[in-house]
Structure formats: structure tokens, C-alpha cells
Amino acid sequence: MKRLISCALLSTVLVLTGCNGTVSSVSFPAAAPWNRISTGILGPTDDLVAVAAGTGFHADLFPGSPNGIQALVACQRSKNSYLPSAYLQFCLDRTCDAQDVCFTDKVIEKRYTYTLVMTLDRAIFSSGSVQVVDGTGAPQAGLAVNAGNAVGGFDVAAGYSEGLIPGVIPDSSDLDETGGLALSPHWSDFGFGGVCPDGVCGNRQDIIDCDVVDDTDFLVFVTTSPPGIYSGTCGTVPVHLTINPSFNSLGDCLSSRKAVCDGLTGENRKTCNLAQIGICQAMFNVPSAHNPS
């Protein structure tokens, strides 16, 4: 069975994302105790910031990754070789010169690493959102977290603009095919497990993979799987990954996403609806009025 990308790199290169025009979401039982959710972002510019909304919800976007990687550079080999034609180089300095990193090979692109950390006050939290915007205020990513609603229990969903998704980094890196979350504190019910295509494991790649490192629960999943709902078990915790079909418009996205707010009332429902709007606005790169930069 092919193992998904290591948890050591989870907060470095993975995002809760899918193909452009889609929204990926992960749902857990409402009893999930996590109050800190992290994911990694690869951005085309070095000026991204996070803007959060929601009671008991806070978000920070940190440059770099926990293991010190500040940027990735994709290089194209200039000569024929038995080695892959394209490869990745890591930079520990955000100002690294891409051409110097690739030596005499062609530079495909450079991406900056960020770690997005969302903190929830579970005593008062119901729903929250965060938008990641660039220096011009243009939304690049929208994430929503809902807890205790009737549909998904504890649900994390995201939409990303095409600009934020690594489009030309080599496919062999899996950077634009795999998503992930780091969740803490550790839930004693959460453990190893996952789900394989058609329930058949072996030499096939998992769709969902679960891991635990110290006090953190990790969930990694393949976002290029066909649209649908994929269910598995991490320890004894049921996990559902939903990959939506590609939306044709902002309106289509909003109509679909607002269903996750069913069961909420008053301000909680309003906040939840705004969170879904933020996801869709980011995906279609529409400036947000409710989460201004």
C-alpha cells in the first residue's frame, strides 16, 4: 500500500483543497475535542495574511513551516537523464534565488510556505471562517469550521483560488493532489486507519490516511479522487471526506455549501452562512465584503 506523504511535512506543503471550482470538506463526530487546527499553504507571493471571523475563533498565518522550510522551488532538468525530468528543492531562506537553487536547470516556479493555525474556544465556538488574502486584498483561500451543526457534526471545509494551488509544480511531488489537517489536542478515540479505493487495500493508494504524533492527530487525504463521499475510521472515530463536483459559478457553490448550516439558528447560523460565502468567494477570487482585509 502506498503511504501518503509523511506527517512531518503535513504543515509544510499540504492544504485542504481540491481542483479549482471544488470544495473539499472533512466531517467528524460533534464530540471531537480539538481546539487547534493547522494546515499548510503554498503561496505564489510572500505577502499573504489571514482574516478571521466568528465568535471564539482566531486564525494566524505564519511564514514558513514547523520544520524550517521557507520556500519550494520546482526545477526542470536541462539534460536527459534516468532521473525524473522535474524535481523540487527546499529553501530555508524565503529570499533564496530560484535560479541559484536550480543551478543550470530551468526554474519552473517558486512557492512560499505558510502555516495556517486556527484556534477555537470550544466553550463558545459554533462556527467560524478565515480568508487568506494577498497584498492587494484579493482572496486566495477561504476556510470554514463548524461544530455541532445537524449536518456534519464537526466539519472543516475549504475553497482555494487557482492562484494558490500549485499548478505547475511536478505531479510527482503530490503537492497539489494531497490535503491534510493537523488537529490537537490528541483525541484518545482517534488513531491509525483510513479508507482505500473501493475498500480494497494493498498496492493501491489510500484515499484517507490517519496518524498520531505525540499530542497531534493527523488526517491526510487525496483530493484528486472522483467527487463523492468517502468514509473511513481513524481508530474508532468515523471520518467522512466530501469532494464536491466542480461548481460552474459562485451561486452554485453558495447553494451547495449553505446546507451545512442547517440546524443552526440566530447568530450561529448567520456566522455559518458567512463562512460558506467566504469559501466560495475565495475559490472564484471574488473580493469579500464580510471579511475585509
Protein backbone atom coordinates (compact mmCIF):
# COMPACT_ATOMS: atom_id res chain seq x y z
CA MET A 1 0.00 0.00 0.00
CA LYS A 2 1.46 3.34 -0.98
CA ARG A 3 1.83 5.54 2.08
CA LEU A 4 0.61 9.12 1.76
CA ILE A 5 3.06 11.98 2.24
CA SER A 6 4.64 11.95 5.71
CA CYS A 7 3.10 13.76 8.66
CA ALA A 8 6.41 15.52 9.21
CA LEU A 9 5.64 17.55 6.08
CA LEU A 10 1.92 17.97 6.75
CA SER A 11 2.04 21.56 7.95
CA THR A 12 4.63 22.35 5.31
CA VAL A 13 3.06 21.54 1.99
CA LEU A 14 -0.49 20.30 2.43
CA VAL A 15 -3.75 22.18 2.08
CA LEU A 16 -7.38 21.25 2.49
CA THR A 17 -8.16 21.76 -1.15
CA GLY A 18 -9.15 20.19 -4.42
CA CYS A 19 -9.23 21.05 -8.07
CA ASN A 20 -10.25 24.58 -8.97
CA GLY A 21 -14.02 25.01 -8.73
CA THR A 22 -14.46 22.41 -6.00
CA VAL A 23 -14.71 22.41 -2.22
CA SER A 24 -13.31 19.63 -0.07
CA SER A 25 -14.62 19.08 3.45
CA VAL A 26 -13.89 16.67 6.27
CA SER A 27 -16.50 15.80 8.91
CA PHE A 28 -16.11 14.17 12.31
CA PRO A 29 -18.49 13.46 15.20
CA ALA A 30 -19.59 16.56 17.10
CA ALA A 31 -17.78 15.22 20.17
CA ALA A 32 -14.39 15.94 18.58
CA PRO A 33 -12.43 17.84 21.26
CA TRP A 34 -9.94 19.64 19.02
CA ASN A 35 -9.36 23.33 19.67
CA ARG A 36 -6.40 23.85 17.34
CA ILE A 37 -6.41 23.09 13.61
CA SER A 38 -3.39 23.59 11.36
CA THR A 39 -2.73 23.19 7.68
CA GLY A 40 -0.02 24.27 5.27
CA ILE A 41 -0.28 26.60 2.32
CA LEU A 42 1.96 27.13 -0.70
CA GLY A 43 1.52 30.67 -1.97
CA PRO A 44 2.81 32.36 -5.12
CA THR A 45 3.64 35.57 -3.20
CA ASP A 46 5.25 36.44 0.10
CA ASP A 47 2.54 38.80 1.33
CA LEU A 48 -0.39 36.59 2.37
CA VAL A 49 -2.35 37.38 5.55
CA ALA A 50 -5.27 35.70 7.33
CA VAL A 51 -8.52 37.44 8.30
CA ALA A 52 -10.80 35.56 10.71
CA ALA A 53 -14.46 35.96 11.67
CA GLY A 54 -16.63 34.19 14.24
CA THR A 55 -17.10 34.11 18.00
CA GLY A 56 -14.46 32.06 19.77
CA PHE A 57 -12.43 31.70 16.56
CA HIS A 58 -8.96 33.04 15.82
CA ALA A 59 -6.55 32.44 12.95
CA ASP A 60 -2.86 33.13 12.40
CA LEU A 61 -0.83 32.69 9.21
CA PHE A 62 2.86 32.12 9.90
CA PRO A 63 5.57 32.33 7.23
CA GLY A 64 7.40 29.04 6.81
CA SER A 65 6.77 25.58 8.16
CA PRO A 66 7.42 23.98 11.55
CA ASN A 67 10.49 22.20 10.20
CA GLY A 68 12.01 25.42 8.86
CA ILE A 69 11.23 25.15 5.15
CA GLN A 70 10.51 28.64 3.85
CA ALA A 71 10.02 28.03 0.13
CA LEU A 72 9.94 25.33 -2.52
CA VAL A 73 11.44 25.68 -5.98
CA ALA A 74 10.49 23.41 -8.85
CA CYS A 75 13.27 22.83 -11.37
CA GLN A 76 13.28 21.32 -14.87
CA ARG A 77 16.32 19.23 -15.79
CA SER A 78 18.20 20.64 -18.76
CA LYS A 79 19.67 17.32 -19.85
CA ASN A 80 18.21 13.90 -20.46
CA SER A 81 18.69 11.60 -17.51
CA TYR A 82 17.35 8.46 -15.92
CA LEU A 83 16.25 10.77 -13.10
CA PRO A 84 12.81 12.45 -13.14
CA SER A 85 12.67 15.38 -15.56
CA ALA A 86 11.47 17.75 -12.82
CA TYR A 87 12.36 17.95 -9.15
CA LEU A 88 11.84 20.05 -6.03
CA GLN A 89 14.38 21.96 -3.97
CA PHE A 90 13.79 23.26 -0.44
CA CYS A 91 14.82 26.73 0.76
CA LEU A 92 15.48 27.57 4.39
CA ASP A 93 15.58 31.26 3.43
CA ARG A 94 12.49 32.91 1.91
CA THR A 95 14.71 35.20 -0.14
CA CYS A 96 16.53 32.33 -1.84
CA ASP A 97 17.23 32.92 -5.53
CA ALA A 98 15.28 30.33 -7.52
CA GLN A 99 17.86 30.14 -10.29
CA ASP A 100 20.69 29.64 -7.84
CA VAL A 101 18.69 26.81 -6.28
CA CYS A 102 18.19 25.11 -9.67
CA PHE A 103 21.83 25.71 -10.70
CA THR A 104 21.94 25.40 -14.51
CA ASP A 105 18.49 23.83 -14.78
CA LYS A 106 15.35 25.76 -15.75
CA VAL A 107 13.20 27.27 -12.98
CA ILE A 108 9.57 26.16 -13.20
CA GLU A 109 8.30 28.19 -10.25
CA LYS A 110 8.89 29.18 -6.64
CA ARG A 111 6.27 28.86 -3.92
CA TYR A 112 6.37 30.30 -0.39
CA THR A 113 5.34 28.14 2.55
CA TYR A 114 2.89 29.22 5.24
CA THR A 115 1.36 27.53 8.24
CA LEU A 116 -2.25 28.42 8.97
CA VAL A 117 -3.26 27.86 12.60
CA MET A 118 -6.89 28.17 13.68
CA THR A 119 -7.71 28.31 17.41
CA LEU A 120 -11.20 27.56 18.74
CA ASP A 121 -12.64 28.43 22.15
CA ARG A 122 -14.88 25.38 22.39
CA ALA A 123 -16.90 26.85 25.27
CA ILE A 124 -18.41 29.48 22.98
CA PHE A 125 -17.45 28.41 19.45
CA SER A 126 -20.07 27.29 16.93
CA SER A 127 -18.86 28.43 13.51
CA GLY A 128 -16.01 30.48 12.15
CA SER A 129 -14.19 31.35 8.96
CA VAL A 130 -10.85 32.59 7.76
CA GLN A 131 -9.86 34.12 4.47
CA VAL A 132 -6.28 34.23 3.22
CA VAL A 133 -5.72 37.33 1.10
CA ASP A 134 -2.71 38.68 -0.77
CA GLY A 135 -1.23 42.15 -0.57
CA THR A 136 -3.87 43.57 -2.90
CA GLY A 137 -6.70 42.20 -0.74
CA ALA A 138 -7.63 39.53 -3.28
CA PRO A 139 -8.86 36.34 -1.56
CA GLN A 140 -6.77 33.27 -2.24
CA ALA A 141 -8.32 30.83 0.24
CA GLY A 142 -11.43 30.52 2.34
CA LEU A 143 -11.85 28.00 5.16
CA ALA A 144 -14.86 27.30 7.34
CA VAL A 145 -15.07 25.37 10.60
CA ASN A 146 -18.43 24.31 12.04
CA ALA A 147 -19.04 22.39 15.25
CA GLY A 148 -22.29 20.86 16.47
CA ASN A 149 -24.50 21.57 13.47
CA ALA A 150 -27.06 19.00 12.43
CA VAL A 151 -25.43 18.03 9.15
CA GLY A 152 -21.75 17.41 9.65
CA GLY A 153 -21.10 17.42 13.36
CA PHE A 154 -17.58 18.86 13.36
CA ASP A 155 -16.79 19.97 9.82
CA VAL A 156 -13.81 21.67 8.17
CA ALA A 157 -14.13 22.86 4.58
CA ALA A 158 -12.08 24.97 2.20
CA GLY A 159 -12.00 26.59 -1.20
CA TYR A 160 -8.88 27.88 -2.95
CA SER A 161 -8.31 30.12 -5.92
CA GLU A 162 -6.35 28.75 -8.85
CA GLY A 163 -3.51 31.10 -7.95
CA LEU A 164 -2.91 29.44 -4.59
CA ILE A 165 -2.96 25.88 -5.88
CA PRO A 166 0.46 24.81 -7.21
CA GLY A 167 -0.35 24.44 -10.87
CA VAL A 168 2.97 23.61 -12.47
CA ILE A 169 4.95 22.04 -9.65
CA PRO A 170 5.69 18.49 -10.88
CA ASP A 171 2.91 15.99 -10.37
CA SER A 172 5.40 13.56 -8.91
CA SER A 173 5.61 15.74 -5.82
CA ASP A 174 1.91 15.10 -4.96
CA LEU A 175 1.80 18.64 -3.57
CA ASP A 176 -1.34 19.56 -5.48
CA GLU A 177 -3.00 16.17 -5.03
CA THR A 178 -2.94 15.66 -1.28
CA GLY A 179 -4.65 17.58 1.53
CA GLY A 180 -4.26 17.39 5.25
CA LEU A 181 -5.04 18.68 8.71
CA ALA A 182 -3.16 18.64 12.00
CA LEU A 183 -5.63 18.51 14.91
CA SER A 184 -4.88 18.92 18.61
CA PRO A 185 -5.06 18.06 21.44
CA HIS A 186 -5.00 14.33 20.76
CA TRP A 187 -8.39 12.63 20.95
CA SER A 188 -7.99 9.28 22.68
CA ASP A 189 -10.56 7.76 20.30
CA PHE A 190 -8.55 8.89 17.26
CA GLY A 191 -5.93 6.50 15.92
CA PHE A 192 -4.47 4.84 12.84
CA GLY A 193 -6.73 3.83 9.98
CA GLY A 194 -8.22 5.18 6.78
CA VAL A 195 -10.00 4.10 3.64
CA CYS A 196 -8.79 2.60 0.34
CA PRO A 197 -10.46 2.81 -3.09
CA ASP A 198 -13.49 0.52 -3.21
CA GLY A 199 -12.44 -0.82 0.19
CA VAL A 200 -9.51 -2.66 -1.41
CA CYS A 201 -6.08 -2.02 0.10
CA GLY A 202 -2.74 -3.46 -0.85
CA ASN A 203 -0.77 -1.80 -3.60
CA ARG A 204 -3.34 0.96 -4.09
CA GLN A 205 -3.05 4.41 -2.60
CA ASP A 206 -5.22 5.29 0.38
CA ILE A 207 -7.89 7.94 -0.09
CA ILE A 208 -7.78 8.78 3.62
CA ASP A 209 -4.89 8.10 5.99
CA CYS A 210 -4.80 8.75 9.74
CA ASP A 211 -1.82 9.10 12.04
CA VAL A 212 -0.95 10.27 15.54
CA VAL A 213 2.29 12.01 16.50
CA ASP A 214 2.72 12.99 20.15
CA ASP A 215 -0.28 15.19 21.05
CA THR A 216 -1.44 15.80 17.47
CA ASP A 217 -3.86 13.87 15.27
CA PHE A 218 -3.13 13.94 11.54
CA LEU A 219 -5.51 13.38 8.66
CA VAL A 220 -4.19 13.16 5.08
CA PHE A 221 -6.35 12.59 2.00
CA VAL A 222 -6.21 12.54 -1.78
CA THR A 223 -8.12 15.49 -3.23
CA THR A 224 -7.99 14.25 -6.82
CA SER A 225 -10.33 11.38 -6.01
CA PRO A 226 -13.59 11.48 -8.01
CA PRO A 227 -16.39 13.58 -6.47
CA GLY A 228 -18.25 11.77 -3.73
CA ILE A 229 -18.27 10.97 -0.02
CA TYR A 230 -15.50 8.73 1.30
CA SER A 231 -15.87 7.25 4.77
CA GLY A 232 -13.33 5.57 6.97
CA THR A 233 -12.34 5.10 10.58
CA CYS A 234 -9.40 6.65 12.42
CA GLY A 235 -9.11 4.47 15.49
CA THR A 236 -12.79 4.39 16.48
CA VAL A 237 -13.60 7.84 15.04
CA PRO A 238 -15.72 7.84 11.85
CA VAL A 239 -14.38 10.26 9.23
CA HIS A 240 -16.14 11.48 6.10
CA LEU A 241 -14.34 13.21 3.23
CA THR A 242 -16.60 15.01 0.77
CA ILE A 243 -15.27 16.07 -2.61
CA ASN A 244 -17.85 18.14 -4.46
CA PRO A 245 -18.22 18.19 -8.24
CA SER A 246 -16.76 21.29 -9.82
CA PHE A 247 -19.02 24.31 -9.41
CA ASN A 248 -19.82 26.34 -12.50
CA SER A 249 -20.49 29.59 -10.67
CA LEU A 250 -20.33 31.35 -7.34
CA GLY A 251 -24.09 30.88 -6.99
CA ASP A 252 -23.86 27.12 -7.48
CA CYS A 253 -21.21 26.94 -4.79
CA LEU A 254 -23.26 29.01 -2.32
CA SER A 255 -26.40 26.94 -2.88
CA SER A 256 -24.50 23.77 -2.08
CA ARG A 257 -22.43 24.96 0.87
CA LYS A 258 -25.18 26.70 2.86
CA ALA A 259 -26.80 23.32 3.51
CA VAL A 260 -24.12 22.60 6.12
CA CYS A 261 -25.62 25.36 8.29
CA ASP A 262 -28.92 23.52 8.71
CA GLY A 263 -29.71 23.04 12.38
CA LEU A 264 -28.10 26.31 13.49
CA THR A 265 -30.14 29.36 14.46
CA GLY A 266 -29.67 33.08 15.08
CA GLU A 267 -26.14 34.46 15.09
CA ASN A 268 -24.67 30.97 14.81
CA ARG A 269 -26.47 30.37 11.53
CA LYS A 270 -25.51 33.83 10.25
CA THR A 271 -21.85 33.20 11.03
CA CYS A 272 -22.03 29.77 9.41
CA ASN A 273 -23.58 31.19 6.24
CA LEU A 274 -20.90 33.89 6.05
CA ALA A 275 -18.24 31.22 6.40
CA GLN A 276 -19.61 29.32 3.38
CA ILE A 277 -19.79 32.56 1.40
CA GLY A 278 -16.12 33.14 2.20
CA ILE A 279 -15.17 29.70 0.88
CA CYS A 280 -16.92 30.27 -2.42
CA GLN A 281 -15.69 33.85 -2.82
CA ALA A 282 -12.10 32.74 -2.38
CA MET A 283 -12.49 29.90 -4.85
CA PHE A 284 -13.84 32.22 -7.54
CA ASN A 285 -11.48 35.02 -6.48
CA VAL A 286 -14.35 37.39 -5.68
CA PRO A 287 -13.49 40.15 -3.16
CA SER A 288 -15.15 39.53 0.20
CA ALA A 289 -17.32 42.14 1.87
CA HIS A 290 -17.79 40.31 5.16
CA ASN A 291 -14.10 39.55 5.75
CA PRO A 292 -12.36 42.74 4.59
CA SER A 293 -8.57 42.79 4.56
